[in-house]
N, C-alpha and C. Protein backbone atom coordinates (compact mmCIF):
# COMPACT_ATOMS: atom_id res chain seq x y z
N MET A 1 159.28 102.16 82.63
CA MET A 1 158.90 102.72 83.30
C MET A 1 157.64 103.95 82.22
N ARG A 2 157.80 103.93 81.07
CA ARG A 2 156.79 104.06 80.42
C ARG A 2 154.74 103.40 80.12
N LYS A 3 155.09 102.08 80.78
CA LYS A 3 154.25 101.15 80.99
C LYS A 3 153.77 101.81 82.52
N LEU A 4 153.90 101.98 83.57
CA LEU A 4 153.91 103.22 85.18
C LEU A 4 152.87 103.73 84.44
N ARG A 5 153.29 104.46 83.68
CA ARG A 5 152.88 106.00 83.49
C ARG A 5 151.47 105.98 82.57
N ILE A 6 150.63 104.82 82.37
CA ILE A 6 149.80 104.58 81.91
C ILE A 6 148.78 104.34 83.01
N PRO A 7 149.32 103.45 83.57
CA PRO A 7 147.98 103.03 84.77
C PRO A 7 148.21 103.88 85.99
N CYS A 8 149.27 104.39 86.35
CA CYS A 8 148.99 105.15 87.15
C CYS A 8 147.82 106.80 86.69
N ALA A 9 148.20 107.26 85.43
CA ALA A 9 147.33 108.23 84.92
C ALA A 9 146.15 108.08 84.42
N ALA A 10 145.51 106.62 84.31
CA ALA A 10 144.19 105.92 84.17
C ALA A 10 143.74 106.16 85.78
N CYS A 11 144.18 106.15 86.55
CA CYS A 11 143.72 106.03 88.26
C CYS A 11 143.50 106.98 88.72
N LEU A 12 144.33 108.36 87.93
CA LEU A 12 144.08 109.37 88.39
C LEU A 12 143.32 109.98 87.94
N PHE A 13 143.12 109.91 86.25
CA PHE A 13 141.98 110.34 85.62
C PHE A 13 140.65 109.78 86.77
N CYS A 14 140.20 108.69 86.31
CA CYS A 14 139.19 107.98 87.48
C CYS A 14 138.73 108.51 88.96
N ALA A 15 140.13 109.00 89.61
CA ALA A 15 139.67 109.72 90.92
C ALA A 15 139.40 111.06 91.12
N LEU A 16 139.82 111.89 89.75
CA LEU A 16 139.53 113.29 89.27
C LEU A 16 137.85 112.91 88.97
N GLY A 17 137.67 112.43 88.13
CA GLY A 17 136.17 111.92 87.85
C GLY A 17 135.34 111.47 88.70
N CYS A 18 135.93 110.49 90.18
CA CYS A 18 134.22 110.39 91.05
C CYS A 18 134.75 111.74 91.84
N ALA A 19 135.82 112.44 92.20
CA ALA A 19 135.59 113.30 93.09
C ALA A 19 134.87 114.79 92.38
N HIS A 20 134.43 114.55 91.09
CA HIS A 20 133.62 115.58 90.48
C HIS A 20 132.31 114.75 90.19
N ALA A 21 132.14 113.96 90.34
CA ALA A 21 130.33 112.95 89.71
C ALA A 21 129.66 113.65 91.05
N GLU A 22 129.80 114.43 92.44
CA GLU A 22 128.52 115.10 92.51
C GLU A 22 128.19 116.29 92.78
N ASP A 23 129.20 117.11 91.89
CA ASP A 23 129.12 118.18 90.85
C ASP A 23 128.38 117.68 89.39
N ARG A 24 128.60 117.01 89.23
CA ARG A 24 127.76 116.72 87.89
C ARG A 24 126.56 115.66 88.54
N ALA A 25 125.51 115.30 88.91
CA ALA A 25 124.84 114.87 89.95
C ALA A 25 123.91 116.04 89.59
N PRO A 26 122.54 115.52 89.19
CA PRO A 26 121.65 116.63 89.12
C PRO A 26 121.17 116.86 90.03
N SER A 27 121.19 118.27 89.98
CA SER A 27 120.84 119.31 91.37
C SER A 27 119.13 119.19 91.93
N ASN A 28 119.63 119.36 93.52
CA ASN A 28 118.28 119.60 93.57
C ASN A 28 118.33 120.12 95.12
N PRO A 29 117.91 121.09 94.95
CA PRO A 29 118.21 121.60 96.37
C PRO A 29 117.02 121.53 97.55
N ALA A 30 116.18 120.25 97.57
CA ALA A 30 115.28 120.09 98.54
C ALA A 30 116.22 119.04 99.19
N ILE A 31 117.18 118.30 98.74
CA ILE A 31 118.11 117.48 99.41
C ILE A 31 119.39 117.89 99.33
N ASP A 32 119.93 117.77 100.29
CA ASP A 32 121.23 118.12 101.06
C ASP A 32 122.14 117.17 101.96
N MET A 33 123.08 116.19 101.09
CA MET A 33 123.76 115.15 101.78
C MET A 33 124.29 115.87 102.60
N GLN A 34 125.37 116.83 102.30
CA GLN A 34 126.15 117.29 103.48
C GLN A 34 125.65 117.95 104.64
N GLY A 35 124.79 118.85 104.53
CA GLY A 35 123.88 119.30 105.79
C GLY A 35 123.32 117.70 106.86
N TYR A 36 122.89 116.93 105.71
CA TYR A 36 122.27 115.85 106.37
C TYR A 36 123.52 115.08 107.63
N LEU A 37 124.73 115.00 106.49
CA LEU A 37 125.84 114.74 107.27
C LEU A 37 126.66 115.40 109.02
N ARG A 38 126.53 116.72 108.60
CA ARG A 38 126.81 117.81 109.40
C ARG A 38 125.57 117.91 110.72
N ALA A 39 124.45 117.40 110.13
CA ALA A 39 122.93 117.16 111.64
C ALA A 39 123.07 116.63 112.01
N SER A 40 123.87 114.72 111.18
CA SER A 40 124.00 113.53 112.25
C SER A 40 125.04 113.57 113.24
N VAL A 41 126.37 114.29 112.42
CA VAL A 41 127.22 114.31 114.17
C VAL A 41 126.58 115.26 114.22
N ASP A 42 126.03 116.26 114.53
CA ASP A 42 125.42 117.42 115.53
C ASP A 42 124.52 116.28 117.06
N ALA A 43 123.49 115.89 115.80
CA ALA A 43 122.75 115.00 116.80
C ALA A 43 123.71 113.95 117.36
N ALA A 44 124.39 113.10 116.73
CA ALA A 44 125.15 112.07 117.70
C ALA A 44 126.00 112.76 118.98
N GLU A 45 126.49 113.74 118.86
CA GLU A 45 126.93 114.56 120.17
C GLU A 45 125.91 114.40 120.95
N HIS A 46 124.51 115.36 120.98
CA HIS A 46 123.56 115.62 121.47
C HIS A 46 123.30 114.04 122.60
N ARG A 47 122.88 113.14 121.42
CA ARG A 47 122.42 112.05 121.83
C ARG A 47 123.03 111.40 122.80
N ALA A 48 124.82 111.62 122.79
CA ALA A 48 125.62 110.95 123.43
C ALA A 48 124.96 110.84 125.36
N THR A 49 124.02 111.86 125.49
CA THR A 49 124.20 111.76 127.28
C THR A 49 122.54 111.71 127.52
N ARG A 50 121.94 111.12 126.59
CA ARG A 50 120.55 111.32 126.44
C ARG A 50 119.93 109.96 126.53
N ARG A 51 120.51 108.73 126.71
CA ARG A 51 120.07 107.50 126.34
C ARG A 51 119.52 107.08 127.90
N LEU A 52 118.03 106.61 128.12
CA LEU A 52 117.93 106.14 128.93
C LEU A 52 117.68 104.68 129.84
N SER A 53 117.86 105.13 130.54
CA SER A 53 117.27 103.18 131.38
C SER A 53 116.00 103.30 131.31
N GLU A 54 115.32 102.17 131.16
CA GLU A 54 113.94 101.14 131.15
C GLU A 54 113.32 102.18 132.16
N ASP A 55 114.04 102.45 133.63
CA ASP A 55 113.25 103.15 134.46
C ASP A 55 112.57 104.38 134.60
N ASP A 56 113.96 105.11 133.99
CA ASP A 56 114.09 106.67 133.92
C ASP A 56 113.13 107.15 132.50
N PHE A 57 112.65 105.85 131.32
CA PHE A 57 112.18 106.36 130.18
C PHE A 57 110.97 106.34 131.05
N ILE A 58 110.11 105.41 131.73
CA ILE A 58 108.97 105.23 132.41
C ILE A 58 108.67 106.75 133.04
N ARG A 59 110.00 106.76 134.06
CA ARG A 59 109.80 108.22 134.82
C ARG A 59 109.02 109.35 133.98
N MET A 60 110.40 109.74 133.55
CA MET A 60 110.08 110.83 131.88
C MET A 60 108.31 110.82 131.26
N SER A 61 108.19 109.78 131.33
CA SER A 61 107.34 109.42 130.47
C SER A 61 105.70 109.96 131.35
N ARG A 62 106.02 110.00 132.57
CA ARG A 62 104.77 109.98 133.07
C ARG A 62 104.70 111.39 133.22
N GLU A 63 105.71 112.17 133.27
CA GLU A 63 105.75 113.45 133.50
C GLU A 63 104.36 114.44 132.87
N PRO A 64 103.95 115.40 132.80
CA PRO A 64 103.04 116.60 132.21
C PRO A 64 104.05 116.95 131.30
N GLY A 65 103.08 116.57 129.85
CA GLY A 65 103.73 117.52 128.59
C GLY A 65 104.69 116.47 127.94
N VAL A 66 105.17 115.47 128.54
CA VAL A 66 106.15 114.55 127.67
C VAL A 66 105.29 114.21 126.45
N VAL A 67 106.02 113.77 125.72
CA VAL A 67 105.66 113.22 124.61
C VAL A 67 106.13 111.69 124.12
N VAL A 68 105.67 110.96 124.11
CA VAL A 68 106.42 109.71 123.70
C VAL A 68 105.74 108.85 121.77
N LEU A 69 106.95 109.07 121.40
CA LEU A 69 106.91 109.70 120.35
C LEU A 69 107.29 107.61 119.77
N ASP A 70 106.47 106.95 118.19
CA ASP A 70 106.59 106.05 117.90
C ASP A 70 106.74 106.08 116.66
N ALA A 71 107.87 106.14 116.03
CA ALA A 71 108.10 106.17 114.42
C ALA A 71 107.68 104.74 113.81
N ARG A 72 107.67 103.86 114.15
CA ARG A 72 107.80 102.65 113.45
C ARG A 72 106.29 102.81 112.68
N SER A 73 106.21 102.07 111.74
CA SER A 73 105.05 102.22 110.88
C SER A 73 103.83 101.82 111.78
N SER A 74 102.82 102.24 110.91
CA SER A 74 101.12 102.67 111.73
C SER A 74 100.56 100.63 112.13
N GLU A 75 101.18 99.94 111.25
CA GLU A 75 100.81 99.00 111.10
C GLU A 75 101.37 98.53 112.31
N LYS A 76 102.43 98.62 112.70
CA LYS A 76 103.46 97.96 114.02
C LYS A 76 103.06 99.04 114.88
N PHE A 77 102.65 99.79 114.75
CA PHE A 77 102.28 100.34 115.95
C PHE A 77 100.66 99.79 116.26
N ASN A 78 100.06 99.63 115.81
CA ASN A 78 98.53 99.13 115.99
C ASN A 78 98.77 98.07 116.87
N GLU A 79 99.71 97.02 116.23
CA GLU A 79 100.09 95.71 116.43
C GLU A 79 100.29 95.86 118.21
N LEU A 80 101.14 96.79 118.74
CA LEU A 80 101.78 96.75 119.89
C LEU A 80 102.60 97.93 119.87
N HIS A 81 102.38 98.75 121.00
CA HIS A 81 102.92 100.00 121.51
C HIS A 81 103.62 99.98 122.87
N ILE A 82 104.13 101.40 123.25
CA ILE A 82 104.46 101.57 124.27
C ILE A 82 103.08 102.21 124.70
N LYS A 83 102.14 102.43 125.84
CA LYS A 83 101.01 103.26 126.31
C LYS A 83 101.50 104.38 126.49
N GLY A 84 100.44 105.17 125.90
CA GLY A 84 100.17 106.47 125.77
C GLY A 84 101.25 107.35 124.81
N ALA A 85 101.78 106.29 123.84
CA ALA A 85 102.49 106.51 122.64
C ALA A 85 101.76 107.29 121.75
N ILE A 86 102.21 108.47 120.80
CA ILE A 86 101.73 108.86 119.58
C ILE A 86 102.48 108.33 118.62
N SER A 87 101.78 108.14 117.53
CA SER A 87 102.60 107.30 116.41
C SER A 87 102.68 108.42 114.96
N ILE A 88 103.71 108.81 114.69
CA ILE A 88 103.99 109.13 113.48
C ILE A 88 105.41 108.65 112.62
N PRO A 89 104.69 108.04 111.51
CA PRO A 89 105.51 107.01 111.34
C PRO A 89 107.02 107.77 110.61
N PHE A 90 107.70 107.24 110.76
CA PHE A 90 109.23 107.88 110.46
C PHE A 90 108.92 108.41 108.79
N SER A 91 108.45 107.78 108.32
CA SER A 91 107.65 108.88 106.32
C SER A 91 106.70 109.61 106.57
N ASP A 92 106.65 110.09 107.87
CA ASP A 92 105.84 111.12 108.07
C ASP A 92 106.48 112.35 108.83
N LEU A 93 107.77 112.07 109.22
CA LEU A 93 108.18 113.03 110.09
C LEU A 93 108.37 114.12 108.98
N ALA A 94 108.01 115.05 109.07
CA ALA A 94 107.67 116.28 108.00
C ALA A 94 107.17 117.94 108.71
N VAL A 95 107.68 118.58 108.42
CA VAL A 95 106.89 119.83 108.55
C VAL A 95 105.91 119.96 108.79
N ALA A 96 104.74 119.83 108.47
CA ALA A 96 103.68 120.27 108.57
C ALA A 96 103.35 119.09 109.83
N ARG A 97 103.76 117.50 109.42
CA ARG A 97 102.92 116.98 110.64
C ARG A 97 103.33 117.00 112.32
N LEU A 98 104.82 117.16 112.02
CA LEU A 98 105.49 117.66 113.15
C LEU A 98 105.13 119.55 113.78
N ASN A 99 104.92 120.04 113.36
CA ASN A 99 103.98 121.00 113.45
C ASN A 99 102.51 120.74 113.97
N ALA A 100 101.89 120.13 113.94
CA ALA A 100 100.31 119.95 114.07
C ALA A 100 100.96 118.98 115.54
N ALA A 101 101.94 118.27 115.47
CA ALA A 101 101.73 116.87 116.94
C ALA A 101 102.39 117.66 118.00
N ILE A 102 103.51 117.95 117.32
CA ILE A 102 104.43 118.52 118.80
C ILE A 102 104.87 120.17 118.45
N PRO A 103 103.73 120.74 118.33
CA PRO A 103 104.44 122.62 117.88
C PRO A 103 105.18 123.20 118.63
N ASP A 104 105.20 122.75 120.03
CA ASP A 104 106.55 123.34 120.70
C ASP A 104 107.72 122.64 120.35
N ARG A 105 108.72 123.15 120.22
CA ARG A 105 110.40 122.56 120.07
C ARG A 105 110.76 122.22 121.17
N SER A 106 110.42 123.32 122.25
CA SER A 106 111.26 122.73 123.72
C SER A 106 110.43 121.34 124.37
N THR A 107 109.57 120.83 123.58
CA THR A 107 109.19 119.97 124.17
C THR A 107 109.75 118.52 124.43
N THR A 108 109.35 117.59 126.12
CA THR A 108 110.42 116.89 126.26
C THR A 108 109.78 115.90 125.20
N ILE A 109 110.58 114.96 124.56
CA ILE A 109 110.21 113.56 123.48
C ILE A 109 111.26 112.68 123.70
N LEU A 110 110.26 111.46 124.06
CA LEU A 110 111.15 110.01 124.17
C LEU A 110 110.43 109.25 123.29
N ILE A 111 111.39 108.71 122.47
CA ILE A 111 111.72 107.90 121.72
C ILE A 111 111.98 106.66 121.46
N TYR A 112 111.43 105.02 121.17
CA TYR A 112 111.80 104.03 121.33
C TYR A 112 111.76 103.52 119.58
N CYS A 113 112.26 102.18 119.81
CA CYS A 113 112.24 101.40 118.01
C CYS A 113 111.81 100.32 118.08
N ASN A 114 112.01 99.32 117.24
CA ASN A 114 112.16 97.83 116.75
C ASN A 114 113.23 97.08 117.61
N ASN A 115 114.57 98.18 117.58
CA ASN A 115 116.01 97.62 118.16
C ASN A 115 115.66 97.63 119.94
N ASN A 116 114.65 98.49 120.34
CA ASN A 116 114.65 98.34 121.36
C ASN A 116 114.33 96.88 122.87
N PHE A 117 113.02 96.17 121.61
CA PHE A 117 112.75 95.22 122.32
C PHE A 117 112.99 93.50 121.67
N ARG A 118 112.86 92.60 122.52
CA ARG A 118 113.09 91.20 121.72
C ARG A 118 112.30 90.42 122.11
N SER A 119 112.15 89.27 121.33
CA SER A 119 111.10 88.16 121.63
C SER A 119 109.42 88.90 121.17
N ALA A 120 109.31 89.40 120.72
CA ALA A 120 108.10 89.92 119.54
C ALA A 120 108.48 90.70 118.46
N GLU A 121 108.83 89.24 117.58
CA GLU A 121 109.26 89.61 116.25
C GLU A 121 108.10 90.34 115.51
N SER A 122 107.20 90.08 115.48
CA SER A 122 106.25 90.83 114.92
C SER A 122 105.96 91.81 114.73
N ALA A 123 105.55 92.57 116.24
CA ALA A 123 105.68 94.27 116.53
C ALA A 123 106.66 94.94 116.56
N PHE A 124 107.96 93.63 116.37
CA PHE A 124 109.04 94.86 116.89
C PHE A 124 110.01 94.01 116.11
N PRO A 125 110.24 94.03 115.09
CA PRO A 125 111.32 93.48 113.70
C PRO A 125 112.67 93.75 113.84
N SER A 126 113.50 92.91 114.01
CA SER A 126 115.03 93.85 114.51
C SER A 126 115.47 93.93 113.09
N LYS A 127 116.34 95.14 113.34
CA LYS A 127 116.67 95.93 112.18
C LYS A 127 118.66 95.91 112.27
N LEU A 128 119.59 96.06 111.43
CA LEU A 128 120.61 96.03 111.47
C LEU A 128 120.78 97.44 112.74
N PRO A 129 121.81 97.43 113.62
CA PRO A 129 122.33 98.29 114.41
C PRO A 129 122.32 99.77 113.65
N SER A 130 123.15 99.22 113.06
CA SER A 130 123.87 101.02 111.90
C SER A 130 122.09 101.72 111.38
N ALA A 131 121.25 100.28 111.24
CA ALA A 131 120.02 101.08 110.57
C ALA A 131 118.68 101.54 111.75
N SER A 132 119.23 101.42 113.55
CA SER A 132 118.37 101.19 113.91
C SER A 132 117.46 102.45 113.71
N LEU A 133 116.16 101.83 113.97
CA LEU A 133 115.04 103.35 113.65
C LEU A 133 115.30 105.13 114.36
N ASN A 134 115.84 104.11 116.03
CA ASN A 134 115.71 105.64 116.93
C ASN A 134 117.11 106.32 116.79
N LEU A 135 117.64 106.16 115.84
CA LEU A 135 119.29 106.82 115.15
C LEU A 135 118.65 107.27 114.21
N ALA A 136 117.98 107.27 112.84
CA ALA A 136 117.15 108.61 111.97
C ALA A 136 116.27 109.38 112.50
N THR A 137 115.34 108.72 113.72
CA THR A 137 114.46 109.51 114.30
C THR A 137 115.24 110.10 115.08
N TYR A 138 116.16 110.58 115.93
CA TYR A 138 117.03 110.74 116.50
C TYR A 138 117.54 112.76 115.92
N ILE A 139 117.73 112.07 114.42
CA ILE A 139 119.01 113.08 113.70
C ILE A 139 117.45 113.95 112.99
N ALA A 140 116.31 113.05 112.80
CA ALA A 140 115.26 114.18 112.03
C ALA A 140 114.66 114.93 113.12
N LEU A 141 114.90 114.85 114.58
CA LEU A 141 114.08 115.31 115.31
C LEU A 141 115.23 116.78 115.80
N PHE A 142 116.31 116.05 115.80
CA PHE A 142 117.32 117.51 115.64
C PHE A 142 117.42 118.51 114.90
N THR A 143 117.31 117.90 113.51
CA THR A 143 117.23 118.85 111.99
C THR A 143 116.12 119.76 112.42
N TYR A 144 114.92 119.37 112.61
CA TYR A 144 114.03 119.63 112.98
C TYR A 144 113.84 121.01 113.91
N GLY A 145 114.92 120.78 115.09
CA GLY A 145 114.80 122.00 115.60
C GLY A 145 114.28 121.49 117.26
N TYR A 146 114.01 120.30 117.84
CA TYR A 146 113.93 119.44 118.71
C TYR A 146 115.31 118.93 119.33
N ARG A 147 115.11 119.60 120.80
CA ARG A 147 116.19 119.21 121.39
C ARG A 147 116.10 118.62 122.90
N ASN A 148 115.20 118.87 123.23
CA ASN A 148 114.70 117.63 124.28
C ASN A 148 114.60 116.29 124.30
N ILE A 149 114.87 116.11 123.40
CA ILE A 149 114.76 114.34 123.08
C ILE A 149 115.58 113.43 123.94
N TYR A 150 115.47 112.24 124.13
CA TYR A 150 115.38 111.46 124.65
C TYR A 150 115.42 110.03 124.27
N GLU A 151 116.28 108.84 124.16
CA GLU A 151 115.54 107.42 123.92
C GLU A 151 115.79 106.15 124.48
N LEU A 152 115.29 105.38 124.56
CA LEU A 152 115.07 104.17 125.88
C LEU A 152 116.38 103.81 125.46
N GLY A 153 117.36 103.70 125.72
CA GLY A 153 118.66 102.82 125.86
C GLY A 153 118.46 100.96 125.34
N PRO A 154 118.20 100.63 126.60
CA PRO A 154 118.58 99.15 126.74
C PRO A 154 117.85 98.38 125.45
N LEU A 155 117.94 97.62 125.41
CA LEU A 155 117.19 96.28 124.62
C LEU A 155 117.02 95.66 125.53
N ILE A 156 115.34 95.09 125.89
CA ILE A 156 114.73 94.59 126.32
C ILE A 156 113.82 93.51 126.38
N ASP A 157 113.97 92.50 126.74
CA ASP A 157 113.44 91.26 126.68
C ASP A 157 111.79 91.48 126.86
N ILE A 158 110.64 91.85 125.81
CA ILE A 158 109.50 92.05 126.00
C ILE A 158 109.06 91.59 127.05
N ARG A 159 109.08 90.06 127.22
CA ARG A 159 108.35 89.61 128.47
C ARG A 159 108.76 89.75 129.95
N ASP A 160 110.11 90.60 129.68
CA ASP A 160 110.12 91.06 131.23
C ASP A 160 110.22 92.48 131.64
N ALA A 161 110.17 93.61 130.44
CA ALA A 161 109.54 94.92 129.97
C ALA A 161 108.97 95.54 131.36
N ARG A 162 109.52 96.28 132.08
CA ARG A 162 108.47 97.10 133.08
C ARG A 162 107.36 98.24 132.61
N VAL A 163 108.14 98.96 131.49
CA VAL A 163 106.94 99.62 130.36
C VAL A 163 105.90 98.92 130.19
N GLU A 164 104.49 99.62 130.23
CA GLU A 164 103.28 99.25 129.35
C GLU A 164 103.20 99.15 127.93
N PHE A 165 102.33 97.79 127.13
CA PHE A 165 101.83 98.20 126.27
C PHE A 165 100.18 98.27 125.79
N ASP A 166 100.08 98.56 125.11
CA ASP A 166 99.05 98.89 124.37
C ASP A 166 99.29 98.08 122.95
N PRO A 167 98.20 97.21 122.23
CA PRO A 167 96.64 96.89 123.09
C PRO A 167 97.06 96.01 124.46
N PRO A 168 95.97 96.42 125.17
CA PRO A 168 96.17 95.80 126.98
C PRO A 168 95.99 93.90 126.46
N GLY A 169 96.79 93.16 126.88
CA GLY A 169 96.74 91.89 126.13
C GLY A 169 97.74 91.76 125.54
N GLY A 170 97.95 92.59 124.50
CA GLY A 170 98.79 92.54 123.77
C GLY A 170 100.40 91.71 123.84
N LEU A 171 100.77 91.51 125.07
CA LEU A 171 102.00 90.80 125.16
C LEU A 171 101.15 89.53 125.16
N GLY A 172 100.29 88.98 125.64
CA GLY A 172 99.59 87.73 125.98
C GLY A 172 100.10 87.07 127.18
N VAL A 173 99.26 87.06 127.95
CA VAL A 173 99.93 87.18 129.48
C VAL A 173 99.21 85.52 129.44
N PRO A 174 100.07 84.75 130.21
CA PRO A 174 99.72 83.14 130.36
C PRO A 174 97.96 82.93 130.20
N ASP A 175 97.82 81.85 129.26
CA ASP A 175 96.07 82.11 129.26
C ASP A 175 96.26 80.90 130.46
N ALA A 176 95.09 80.69 131.25
CA ALA A 176 94.61 80.08 132.46
C ALA A 176 94.54 78.54 132.08
N GLU A 177 93.94 78.32 130.79
CA GLU A 177 93.57 77.26 130.19
C GLU A 177 94.73 76.51 129.20
N ALA A 178 96.28 77.47 128.98
CA ALA A 178 97.31 77.21 128.09
C ALA A 178 98.27 76.31 129.37
N PRO A 179 98.71 75.01 128.73
CA PRO A 179 100.20 74.72 129.69
C PRO A 179 100.87 76.14 130.68
N HIS A 180 101.51 75.66 131.43
CA HIS A 180 102.16 76.81 132.51
C HIS A 180 103.21 77.34 131.18
N GLY A 181 103.46 78.71 131.64
CA GLY A 181 104.58 79.07 130.44
C GLY A 181 104.39 79.37 129.11
N VAL A 182 102.88 78.90 128.21
CA VAL A 182 102.93 79.05 127.20
C VAL A 182 101.94 80.06 126.69
N LEU A 183 102.48 80.71 126.08
CA LEU A 183 101.96 82.33 125.62
C LEU A 183 100.85 82.34 124.55
N PRO A 184 99.80 82.42 124.40
CA PRO A 184 98.95 82.46 123.30
C PRO A 184 99.33 83.27 122.10
N ARG A 185 98.70 83.64 121.00
CA ARG A 185 98.65 84.25 120.19
C ARG A 185 97.42 84.87 120.37
N ILE A 186 97.39 86.40 120.47
CA ILE A 186 96.60 87.24 120.50
C ILE A 186 97.00 88.34 119.42
N GLN A 187 95.54 88.73 118.84
CA GLN A 187 95.72 89.78 117.70
C GLN A 187 97.16 89.55 117.37
N GLY A 188 97.30 89.07 116.31
CA GLY A 188 98.86 88.49 115.71
C GLY A 188 99.82 88.55 116.09
N LEU A 189 99.92 88.59 117.19
CA LEU A 189 101.21 88.72 118.02
C LEU A 189 101.64 87.30 118.51
N VAL A 190 102.90 86.79 118.16
CA VAL A 190 103.25 85.68 118.71
C VAL A 190 104.45 85.81 119.41
N LEU A 191 104.92 86.15 120.46
CA LEU A 191 105.71 86.05 121.69
C LEU A 191 106.90 84.61 121.00
N SER A 192 107.80 85.04 120.63
CA SER A 192 108.87 84.19 120.82
C SER A 192 109.04 83.47 121.85
N GLU A 193 109.84 82.23 121.95
CA GLU A 193 110.33 81.48 123.09
C GLU A 193 111.98 81.58 123.01
N PRO A 194 112.60 82.04 124.16
CA PRO A 194 113.79 82.23 124.33
C PRO A 194 114.50 81.21 123.42
N SER A 195 115.77 81.44 122.79
CA SER A 195 116.32 80.50 122.43
C SER A 195 117.66 79.94 123.73
N PRO A 196 117.86 78.35 123.48
CA PRO A 196 118.64 78.20 124.61
C PRO A 196 120.12 78.86 124.79
N ALA A 197 120.55 79.51 123.98
CA ALA A 197 121.34 80.15 124.29
C ALA A 197 121.21 81.73 125.33
N GLU A 198 119.83 81.64 125.47
CA GLU A 198 119.52 83.01 126.03
C GLU A 198 119.61 82.47 127.29
């Protein structure tokens, strides 16, 4: 019995130590993990009914005053983006930048990310589903007080997309001189051919 008490005591000591690790961590009032987790739960509940079909996304994007926000890097935005979108890279989603770009918190904001498009890996590189940029962007906007946020829902093969993209021709309309169905390289974008499984 005595041998059993020593390992149990060690486990209890480790558990207590882990439970108080956050208390001993350096304090930084500008970083609030518990607040972030609460905001994430609230944003997830809010987001549940705000994921749009491609057709609804297109329709809403044409309404006056709607902002289509692309939070990918400037490099990826410049390579290819939904026509009419504004670029605020996720790392720049901060109070001053949002106040300048979207000062009215009641503005309707449509978001999309890498994980909404396939077959254009250069411009829209895939992320793990749980690391999708839409999730972080939605949570950030919600935390900053925006409530009219909508998200493009589906995963769309970019060759079949009905949304319009900039730069014009960035999708690589089949070249008249290229063999039928061959997509040219345009502005560094190479559209990948479908895999046999598709």
